[in-house]
PDB file of N, CA and C in Angstrom:
ATOM      1  N   UNK A   1     -11.731  49.133 -21.253  1.00  0.00           N
ATOM      2  CA  UNK A   1     -12.891  49.917 -21.613  1.00  0.00           C
ATOM      3  C   UNK A   1     -12.654  50.757 -22.872  1.00  0.00           C
ATOM      4  N   UNK A   2     -11.409  50.812 -23.293  1.00  0.00           N
ATOM      5  CA  UNK A   2     -11.089  51.626 -24.468  1.00  0.00           C
ATOM      6  C   UNK A   2     -11.861  51.162 -25.696  1.00  0.00           C
ATOM      7  N   UNK A   3     -11.978  49.829 -25.900  1.00  0.00           N
ATOM      8  CA  UNK A   3     -12.707  49.322 -27.068  1.00  0.00           C
ATOM      9  C   UNK A   3     -14.191  49.655 -26.991  1.00  0.00           C
ATOM     10  N   UNK A   4     -14.725  49.618 -25.804  1.00  0.00           N
ATOM     11  CA  UNK A   4     -16.139  49.948 -25.626  1.00  0.00           C
ATOM     12  C   UNK A   4     -16.375  51.428 -25.925  1.00  0.00           C
ATOM     13  N   UNK A   5     -15.553  52.292 -25.380  1.00  0.00           N
ATOM     14  CA  UNK A   5     -15.729  53.732 -25.609  1.00  0.00           C
ATOM     15  C   UNK A   5     -15.563  54.087 -27.085  1.00  0.00           C
ATOM     16  N   UNK A   6     -14.709  53.380 -27.780  1.00  0.00           N
ATOM     17  CA  UNK A   6     -14.495  53.655 -29.198  1.00  0.00           C
ATOM     18  C   UNK A   6     -15.702  53.272 -30.040  1.00  0.00           C
ATOM     19  N   UNK A   7     -16.559  52.409 -29.512  1.00  0.00           N
ATOM     20  CA  UNK A   7     -17.710  51.929 -30.275  1.00  0.00           C
ATOM     21  C   UNK A   7     -19.047  52.475 -29.794  1.00  0.00           C
ATOM     22  N   UNK A   8     -19.029  53.474 -28.923  1.00  0.00           N
ATOM     23  CA  UNK A   8     -20.302  54.092 -28.534  1.00  0.00           C
ATOM     24  C   UNK A   8     -20.852  54.839 -29.740  1.00  0.00           C
ATOM     25  N   UNK A   9     -22.136  55.095 -29.748  1.00  0.00           N
ATOM     26  CA  UNK A   9     -22.747  55.742 -30.899  1.00  0.00           C
ATOM     27  C   UNK A   9     -23.748  56.804 -30.480  1.00  0.00           C
ATOM     28  N   UNK A  10     -24.032  57.690 -31.397  1.00  0.00           N
ATOM     29  CA  UNK A  10     -25.024  58.733 -31.171  1.00  0.00           C
ATOM     30  C   UNK A  10     -26.401  58.112 -31.358  1.00  0.00           C
ATOM     31  N   UNK A  11     -27.309  58.390 -30.438  1.00  0.00           N
ATOM     32  CA  UNK A  11     -28.667  57.857 -30.475  1.00  0.00           C
ATOM     33  C   UNK A  11     -29.620  59.011 -30.766  1.00  0.00           C
ATOM     34  N   UNK A  12     -30.517  58.823 -31.726  1.00  0.00           N
ATOM     35  CA  UNK A  12     -31.455  59.904 -32.067  1.00  0.00           C
ATOM     36  C   UNK A  12     -32.417  60.146 -30.903  1.00  0.00           C
ATOM     37  N   UNK A  13     -32.934  61.351 -30.828  1.00  0.00           N
ATOM     38  CA  UNK A  13     -33.796  61.759 -29.709  1.00  0.00           C
ATOM     39  C   UNK A  13     -35.019  60.863 -29.556  1.00  0.00           C
ATOM     40  N   UNK A  14     -35.593  60.440 -30.674  1.00  0.00           N
ATOM     41  CA  UNK A  14     -36.789  59.601 -30.620  1.00  0.00           C
ATOM     42  C   UNK A  14     -36.479  58.246 -29.974  1.00  0.00           C
ATOM     43  N   UNK A  15     -35.371  57.657 -30.371  1.00  0.00           N
ATOM     44  CA  UNK A  15     -34.971  56.367 -29.794  1.00  0.00           C
ATOM     45  C   UNK A  15     -34.618  56.525 -28.327  1.00  0.00           C
ATOM     46  N   UNK A  16     -33.916  57.571 -28.004  1.00  0.00           N
ATOM     47  CA  UNK A  16     -33.552  57.862 -26.617  1.00  0.00           C
ATOM     48  C   UNK A  16     -34.803  57.944 -25.752  1.00  0.00           C
ATOM     49  N   UNK A  17     -35.800  58.668 -26.225  1.00  0.00           N
ATOM     50  CA  UNK A  17     -37.035  58.826 -25.458  1.00  0.00           C
ATOM     51  C   UNK A  17     -37.805  57.512 -25.368  1.00  0.00           C
ATOM     52  N   UNK A  18     -37.814  56.745 -26.455  1.00  0.00           N
ATOM     53  CA  UNK A  18     -38.508  55.455 -26.455  1.00  0.00           C
ATOM     54  C   UNK A  18     -37.893  54.502 -25.428  1.00  0.00           C
ATOM     55  N   UNK A  19     -36.573  54.469 -25.348  1.00  0.00           N
ATOM     56  CA  UNK A  19     -35.891  53.617 -24.370  1.00  0.00           C
ATOM     57  C   UNK A  19     -36.215  54.088 -22.959  1.00  0.00           C
ATOM     58  N   UNK A  20     -36.102  55.392 -22.718  1.00  0.00           N
ATOM     59  CA  UNK A  20     -36.367  55.928 -21.374  1.00  0.00           C
ATOM     60  C   UNK A  20     -37.799  55.666 -20.937  1.00  0.00           C
ATOM     61  N   UNK A  21     -38.749  55.749 -21.870  1.00  0.00           N
ATOM     62  CA  UNK A  21     -40.166  55.580 -21.530  1.00  0.00           C
ATOM     63  C   UNK A  21     -40.606  54.120 -21.431  1.00  0.00           C
ATOM     64  N   UNK A  22     -39.963  53.243 -22.207  1.00  0.00           N
ATOM     65  CA  UNK A  22     -40.496  51.903 -22.305  1.00  0.00           C
ATOM     66  C   UNK A  22     -39.630  50.761 -21.829  1.00  0.00           C
ATOM     67  N   UNK A  23     -38.411  51.056 -21.404  1.00  0.00           N
ATOM     68  CA  UNK A  23     -37.508  49.974 -21.005  1.00  0.00           C
ATOM     69  C   UNK A  23     -37.156  50.058 -19.527  1.00  0.00           C
ATOM     70  N   UNK A  24     -36.762  48.942 -18.989  1.00  0.00           N
ATOM     71  CA  UNK A  24     -36.471  48.828 -17.567  1.00  0.00           C
ATOM     72  C   UNK A  24     -35.022  49.225 -17.293  1.00  0.00           C
ATOM     73  N   UNK A  25     -34.833  50.102 -16.300  1.00  0.00           N
ATOM     74  CA  UNK A  25     -33.489  50.447 -15.841  1.00  0.00           C
ATOM     75  C   UNK A  25     -32.942  49.267 -15.053  1.00  0.00           C
ATOM     76  N   UNK A  26     -31.682  48.924 -15.315  1.00  0.00           N
ATOM     77  CA  UNK A  26     -31.075  47.784 -14.643  1.00  0.00           C
ATOM     78  C   UNK A  26     -29.727  48.173 -14.033  1.00  0.00           C
ATOM     79  N   UNK A  27     -29.242  47.295 -13.185  1.00  0.00           N
ATOM     80  CA  UNK A  27     -27.924  47.432 -12.578  1.00  0.00           C
ATOM     81  C   UNK A  27     -27.212  46.091 -12.723  1.00  0.00           C
ATOM     82  N   UNK A  28     -25.919  46.087 -13.017  1.00  0.00           N
ATOM     83  CA  UNK A  28     -25.224  44.798 -13.115  1.00  0.00           C
ATOM     84  C   UNK A  28     -25.215  44.029 -11.798  1.00  0.00           C
ATOM     85  N   UNK A  29     -25.385  44.736 -10.700  1.00  0.00           N
ATOM     86  CA  UNK A  29     -25.391  44.072  -9.393  1.00  0.00           C
ATOM     87  C   UNK A  29     -26.692  43.326  -9.118  1.00  0.00           C
ATOM     88  N   UNK A  30     -27.806  43.851  -9.636  1.00  0.00           N
ATOM     89  CA  UNK A  30     -29.108  43.266  -9.316  1.00  0.00           C
ATOM     90  C   UNK A  30     -29.782  42.567 -10.488  1.00  0.00           C
ATOM     91  N   UNK A  31     -29.248  42.714 -11.691  1.00  0.00           N
ATOM     92  CA  UNK A  31     -29.830  42.067 -12.867  1.00  0.00           C
ATOM     93  C   UNK A  31     -29.732  40.552 -12.701  1.00  0.00           C
ATOM     94  N   UNK A  32     -30.780  39.841 -13.078  1.00  0.00           N
ATOM     95  CA  UNK A  32     -30.813  38.381 -12.949  1.00  0.00           C
ATOM     96  C   UNK A  32     -30.125  37.753 -14.170  1.00  0.00           C
ATOM     97  N   UNK A  33     -28.839  37.522 -14.072  1.00  0.00           N
ATOM     98  CA  UNK A  33     -28.036  37.004 -15.183  1.00  0.00           C
ATOM     99  C   UNK A  33     -28.428  35.583 -15.552  1.00  0.00           C
ATOM    100  N   UNK A  34     -29.059  34.858 -14.669  1.00  0.00           N
ATOM    101  CA  UNK A  34     -29.465  33.485 -14.979  1.00  0.00           C
ATOM    102  C   UNK A  34     -30.690  33.449 -15.905  1.00  0.00           C
ATOM    103  N   UNK A  35     -31.329  34.584 -16.113  1.00  0.00           N
ATOM    104  CA  UNK A  35     -32.512  34.641 -16.974  1.00  0.00           C
ATOM    105  C   UNK A  35     -32.208  35.213 -18.355  1.00  0.00           C
ATOM    106  N   UNK A  36     -30.945  35.376 -18.677  1.00  0.00           N
ATOM    107  CA  UNK A  36     -30.557  35.882 -19.985  1.00  0.00           C
ATOM    108  C   UNK A  36     -30.934  34.856 -21.055  1.00  0.00           C
ATOM    109  N   UNK A  37     -31.521  35.358 -22.138  1.00  0.00           N
ATOM    110  CA  UNK A  37     -31.879  34.503 -23.262  1.00  0.00           C
ATOM    111  C   UNK A  37     -31.058  34.906 -24.481  1.00  0.00           C
ATOM    112  N   UNK A  38     -31.144  34.121 -25.511  1.00  0.00           N
ATOM    113  CA  UNK A  38     -30.365  34.370 -26.725  1.00  0.00           C
ATOM    114  C   UNK A  38     -30.611  35.746 -27.321  1.00  0.00           C
ATOM    115  N   UNK A  39     -31.812  36.258 -27.182  1.00  0.00           N
ATOM    116  CA  UNK A  39     -32.139  37.557 -27.784  1.00  0.00           C
ATOM    117  C   UNK A  39     -32.140  38.720 -26.775  1.00  0.00           C
ATOM    118  N   UNK A  40     -31.517  38.543 -25.632  1.00  0.00           N
ATOM    119  CA  UNK A  40     -31.453  39.626 -24.640  1.00  0.00           C
ATOM    120  C   UNK A  40     -30.444  40.680 -25.091  1.00  0.00           C
ATOM    121  N   UNK A  41     -30.871  41.937 -25.043  1.00  0.00           N
ATOM    122  CA  UNK A  41     -30.000  43.071 -25.365  1.00  0.00           C
ATOM    123  C   UNK A  41     -30.063  44.064 -24.220  1.00  0.00           C
ATOM    124  N   UNK A  42     -28.910  44.558 -23.828  1.00  0.00           N
ATOM    125  CA  UNK A  42     -28.819  45.599 -22.822  1.00  0.00           C
ATOM    126  C   UNK A  42     -28.213  46.829 -23.498  1.00  0.00           C
ATOM    127  N   UNK A  43     -28.498  47.996 -22.948  1.00  0.00           N
ATOM    128  CA  UNK A  43     -28.002  49.236 -23.538  1.00  0.00           C
ATOM    129  C   UNK A  43     -27.681  50.220 -22.435  1.00  0.00           C
ATOM    130  N   UNK A  44     -26.586  50.947 -22.604  1.00  0.00           N
ATOM    131  CA  UNK A  44     -26.245  52.038 -21.710  1.00  0.00           C
ATOM    132  C   UNK A  44     -26.426  53.340 -22.473  1.00  0.00           C
ATOM    133  N   UNK A  45     -27.074  54.313 -21.846  1.00  0.00           N
ATOM    134  CA  UNK A  45     -27.365  55.599 -22.479  1.00  0.00           C
ATOM    135  C   UNK A  45     -26.879  56.756 -21.622  1.00  0.00           C
ATOM    136  N   UNK A  46     -26.324  57.747 -22.296  1.00  0.00           N
ATOM    137  CA  UNK A  46     -25.963  58.988 -21.605  1.00  0.00           C
ATOM    138  C   UNK A  46     -27.090  59.990 -21.794  1.00  0.00           C
ATOM    139  N   UNK A  47     -27.176  60.980 -20.924  1.00  0.00           N
ATOM    140  CA  UNK A  47     -28.172  62.041 -21.090  1.00  0.00           C
ATOM    141  C   UNK A  47     -27.894  62.871 -22.343  1.00  0.00           C
ATOM    142  N   UNK A  48     -26.649  62.837 -22.808  1.00  0.00           N
ATOM    143  CA  UNK A  48     -26.271  63.576 -24.010  1.00  0.00           C
ATOM    144  C   UNK A  48     -26.608  62.857 -25.304  1.00  0.00           C
ATOM    145  N   UNK A  49     -27.216  61.686 -25.218  1.00  0.00           N
ATOM    146  CA  UNK A  49     -27.656  60.978 -26.409  1.00  0.00           C
ATOM    147  C   UNK A  49     -26.656  60.009 -27.005  1.00  0.00           C
ATOM    148  N   UNK A  50     -25.686  59.549 -26.226  1.00  0.00           N
ATOM    149  CA  UNK A  50     -24.772  58.527 -26.692  1.00  0.00           C
ATOM    150  C   UNK A  50     -25.209  57.191 -26.112  1.00  0.00           C
ATOM    151  N   UNK A  51     -24.931  56.114 -26.832  1.00  0.00           N
ATOM    152  CA  UNK A  51     -25.333  54.809 -26.351  1.00  0.00           C
ATOM    153  C   UNK A  51     -24.358  53.723 -26.739  1.00  0.00           C
ATOM    154  N   UNK A  52     -24.454  52.622 -26.007  1.00  0.00           N
ATOM    155  CA  UNK A  52     -23.667  51.432 -26.306  1.00  0.00           C
ATOM    156  C   UNK A  52     -24.560  50.220 -26.091  1.00  0.00           C
ATOM    157  N   UNK A  53     -24.602  49.344 -27.096  1.00  0.00           N
ATOM    158  CA  UNK A  53     -25.421  48.138 -27.043  1.00  0.00           C
ATOM    159  C   UNK A  53     -24.594  46.935 -26.617  1.00  0.00           C
ATOM    160  N   UNK A  54     -25.226  46.060 -25.824  1.00  0.00           N
ATOM    161  CA  UNK A  54     -24.637  44.782 -25.452  1.00  0.00           C
ATOM    162  C   UNK A  54     -25.586  43.662 -25.887  1.00  0.00           C
ATOM    163  N   UNK A  55     -25.427  43.119 -27.110  1.00  0.00           N
ATOM    164  CA  UNK A  55     -26.222  41.944 -27.488  1.00  0.00           C
ATOM    165  C   UNK A  55     -25.608  40.721 -26.812  1.00  0.00           C
ATOM    166  N   UNK A  56     -26.368  40.071 -25.957  1.00  0.00           N
ATOM    167  CA  UNK A  56     -25.791  39.021 -25.122  1.00  0.00           C
ATOM    168  C   UNK A  56     -25.596  37.693 -25.839  1.00  0.00           C
ATOM    169  N   UNK A  57     -26.049  37.582 -27.087  1.00  0.00           N
ATOM    170  CA  UNK A  57     -25.777  36.359 -27.830  1.00  0.00           C
ATOM    171  C   UNK A  57     -24.393  36.371 -28.478  1.00  0.00           C
ATOM    172  N   UNK A  58     -23.719  37.500 -28.472  1.00  0.00           N
ATOM    173  CA  UNK A  58     -22.352  37.592 -29.009  1.00  0.00           C
ATOM    174  C   UNK A  58     -21.394  36.931 -28.026  1.00  0.00           C
ATOM    175  N   UNK A  59     -20.500  36.112 -28.536  1.00  0.00           N
ATOM    176  CA  UNK A  59     -19.612  35.358 -27.648  1.00  0.00           C
ATOM    177  C   UNK A  59     -18.765  36.272 -26.766  1.00  0.00           C
ATOM    178  N   UNK A  60     -18.316  37.420 -27.304  1.00  0.00           N
ATOM    179  CA  UNK A  60     -17.499  38.313 -26.480  1.00  0.00           C
ATOM    180  C   UNK A  60     -18.276  38.851 -25.281  1.00  0.00           C
ATOM    181  N   UNK A  61     -19.594  38.901 -25.389  1.00  0.00           N
ATOM    182  CA  UNK A  61     -20.411  39.398 -24.284  1.00  0.00           C
ATOM    183  C   UNK A  61     -20.866  38.295 -23.333  1.00  0.00           C
ATOM    184  N   UNK A  62     -20.934  37.065 -23.818  1.00  0.00           N
ATOM    185  CA  UNK A  62     -21.427  35.989 -22.951  1.00  0.00           C
ATOM    186  C   UNK A  62     -20.315  35.210 -22.244  1.00  0.00           C
ATOM    187  N   UNK A  63     -19.079  35.394 -22.680  1.00  0.00           N
ATOM    188  CA  UNK A  63     -17.965  34.674 -22.060  1.00  0.00           C
ATOM    189  C   UNK A  63     -17.798  35.052 -20.588  1.00  0.00           C
ATOM    190  N   UNK A  64     -17.275  34.111 -19.821  1.00  0.00           N
ATOM    191  CA  UNK A  64     -16.953  34.341 -18.408  1.00  0.00           C
ATOM    192  C   UNK A  64     -18.133  34.906 -17.618  1.00  0.00           C
ATOM    193  N   UNK A  65     -19.295  34.313 -17.844  1.00  0.00           N
ATOM    194  CA  UNK A  65     -20.493  34.734 -17.103  1.00  0.00           C
ATOM    195  C   UNK A  65     -20.810  36.222 -17.328  1.00  0.00           C
ATOM    196  N   UNK A  66     -20.698  36.668 -18.587  1.00  0.00           N
ATOM    197  CA  UNK A  66     -21.041  38.043 -18.993  1.00  0.00           C
ATOM    198  C   UNK A  66     -20.132  39.101 -18.366  1.00  0.00           C
ATOM    199  N   UNK A  67     -18.893  38.741 -18.085  1.00  0.00           N
ATOM    200  CA  UNK A  67     -17.974  39.654 -17.399  1.00  0.00           C
ATOM    201  C   UNK A  67     -17.763  40.964 -18.157  1.00  0.00           C
ATOM    202  N   UNK A  68     -17.608  40.895 -19.482  1.00  0.00           N
ATOM    203  CA  UNK A  68     -17.399  42.112 -20.284  1.00  0.00           C
ATOM    204  C   UNK A  68     -18.584  43.066 -20.155  1.00  0.00           C
ATOM    205  N   UNK A  69     -19.782  42.498 -20.181  1.00  0.00           N
ATOM    206  CA  UNK A  69     -20.995  43.309 -20.057  1.00  0.00           C
ATOM    207  C   UNK A  69     -21.087  43.927 -18.663  1.00  0.00           C
ATOM    208  N   UNK A  70     -20.857  43.124 -17.648  1.00  0.00           N
ATOM    209  CA  UNK A  70     -20.929  43.620 -16.269  1.00  0.00           C
ATOM    210  C   UNK A  70     -19.938  44.757 -16.037  1.00  0.00           C
ATOM    211  N   UNK A  71     -18.693  44.569 -16.491  1.00  0.00           N
ATOM    212  CA  UNK A  71     -17.671  45.615 -16.316  1.00  0.00           C
ATOM    213  C   UNK A  71     -18.001  46.850 -17.152  1.00  0.00           C
ATOM    214  N   UNK A  72     -18.480  46.625 -18.368  1.00  0.00           N
ATOM    215  CA  UNK A  72     -18.863  47.747 -19.227  1.00  0.00           C
ATOM    216  C   UNK A  72     -20.004  48.558 -18.631  1.00  0.00           C
ATOM    217  N   UNK A  73     -21.011  47.868 -18.121  1.00  0.00           N
ATOM    218  CA  UNK A  73     -22.135  48.567 -17.498  1.00  0.00           C
ATOM    219  C   UNK A  73     -21.672  49.350 -16.274  1.00  0.00           C
ATOM    220  N   UNK A  74     -20.840  48.738 -15.448  1.00  0.00           N
ATOM    221  CA  UNK A  74     -20.318  49.442 -14.264  1.00  0.00           C
ATOM    222  C   UNK A  74     -19.570  50.706 -14.682  1.00  0.00           C
ATOM    223  N   UNK A  75     -18.753  50.592 -15.729  1.00  0.00           N
ATOM    224  CA  UNK A  75     -18.006  51.748 -16.213  1.00  0.00           C
ATOM    225  C   UNK A  75     -18.946  52.860 -16.668  1.00  0.00           C
ATOM    226  N   UNK A  76     -19.906  52.531 -17.528  1.00  0.00           N
ATOM    227  CA  UNK A  76     -20.818  53.556 -18.036  1.00  0.00           C
ATOM    228  C   UNK A  76     -21.630  54.189 -16.903  1.00  0.00           C
ATOM    229  N   UNK A  77     -22.098  53.379 -15.981  1.00  0.00           N
ATOM    230  CA  UNK A  77     -22.863  53.910 -14.843  1.00  0.00           C
ATOM    231  C   UNK A  77     -21.986  54.845 -14.019  1.00  0.00           C
ATOM    232  N   UNK A  78     -20.706  54.515 -13.859  1.00  0.00           N
ATOM    233  CA  UNK A  78     -19.795  55.396 -13.112  1.00  0.00           C
ATOM    234  C   UNK A  78     -19.574  56.731 -13.828  1.00  0.00           C
ATOM    235  N   UNK A  79     -19.851  56.758 -15.141  1.00  0.00           N
ATOM    236  CA  UNK A  79     -19.724  57.977 -15.928  1.00  0.00           C
ATOM    237  C   UNK A  79     -21.032  58.759 -16.010  1.00  0.00           C
ATOM    238  N   UNK A  80     -22.046  58.295 -15.264  1.00  0.00           N
ATOM    239  CA  UNK A  80     -23.340  58.979 -15.234  1.00  0.00           C
ATOM    240  C   UNK A  80     -24.358  58.473 -16.231  1.00  0.00           C
ATOM    241  N   UNK A  81     -24.038  57.398 -16.940  1.00  0.00           N
ATOM    242  CA  UNK A  81     -24.968  56.816 -17.891  1.00  0.00           C
ATOM    243  C   UNK A  81     -25.973  55.936 -17.155  1.00  0.00           C
ATOM    244  N   UNK A  82     -27.028  55.530 -17.862  1.00  0.00           N
ATOM    245  CA  UNK A  82     -28.051  54.646 -17.309  1.00  0.00           C
ATOM    246  C   UNK A  82     -28.104  53.375 -18.147  1.00  0.00           C
ATOM    247  N   UNK A  83     -28.238  52.232 -17.487  1.00  0.00           N
ATOM    248  CA  UNK A  83     -28.314  50.945 -18.166  1.00  0.00           C
ATOM    249  C   UNK A  83     -29.773  50.491 -18.248  1.00  0.00           C
ATOM    250  N   UNK A  84     -30.133  49.939 -19.405  1.00  0.00           N
ATOM    251  CA  UNK A  84     -31.496  49.470 -19.658  1.00  0.00           C
ATOM    252  C   UNK A  84     -31.467  48.076 -20.254  1.00  0.00           C
ATOM    253  N   UNK A  85     -32.519  47.304 -19.979  1.00  0.00           N
ATOM    254  CA  UNK A  85     -32.767  46.078 -20.727  1.00  0.00           C
ATOM    255  C   UNK A  85     -33.730  46.492 -21.834  1.00  0.00           C
ATOM    256  N   UNK A  86     -33.280  46.400 -23.086  1.00  0.00           N
ATOM    257  CA  UNK A  86     -34.120  46.872 -24.186  1.00  0.00           C
ATOM    258  C   UNK A  86     -34.792  45.736 -24.924  1.00  0.00           C
ATOM    259  N   UNK A  87     -34.347  44.504 -24.703  1.00  0.00           N
ATOM    260  CA  UNK A  87     -34.989  43.341 -25.328  1.00  0.00           C
ATOM    261  C   UNK A  87     -34.640  42.105 -24.525  1.00  0.00           C
TER     262      UNK A  87
END
């Protein structure tokens, strides 16, 4: 998870609010991984305005049945963050 934490970013308030208002909250346990498309993007957000994007067309994210994404989402959720499907 060290590489993921090193690449989190600050999200502006407007974007944070847009995601919270318009995107679906997801869980790696219940998300339908068989419906992932080339342009699917997931995002984890903290209440403090930090975020991490998971573009699922990147090979590092799609390998091993999206294992990196699933583990990353579980980690962020355990830290109090919320996961969203943003595209």
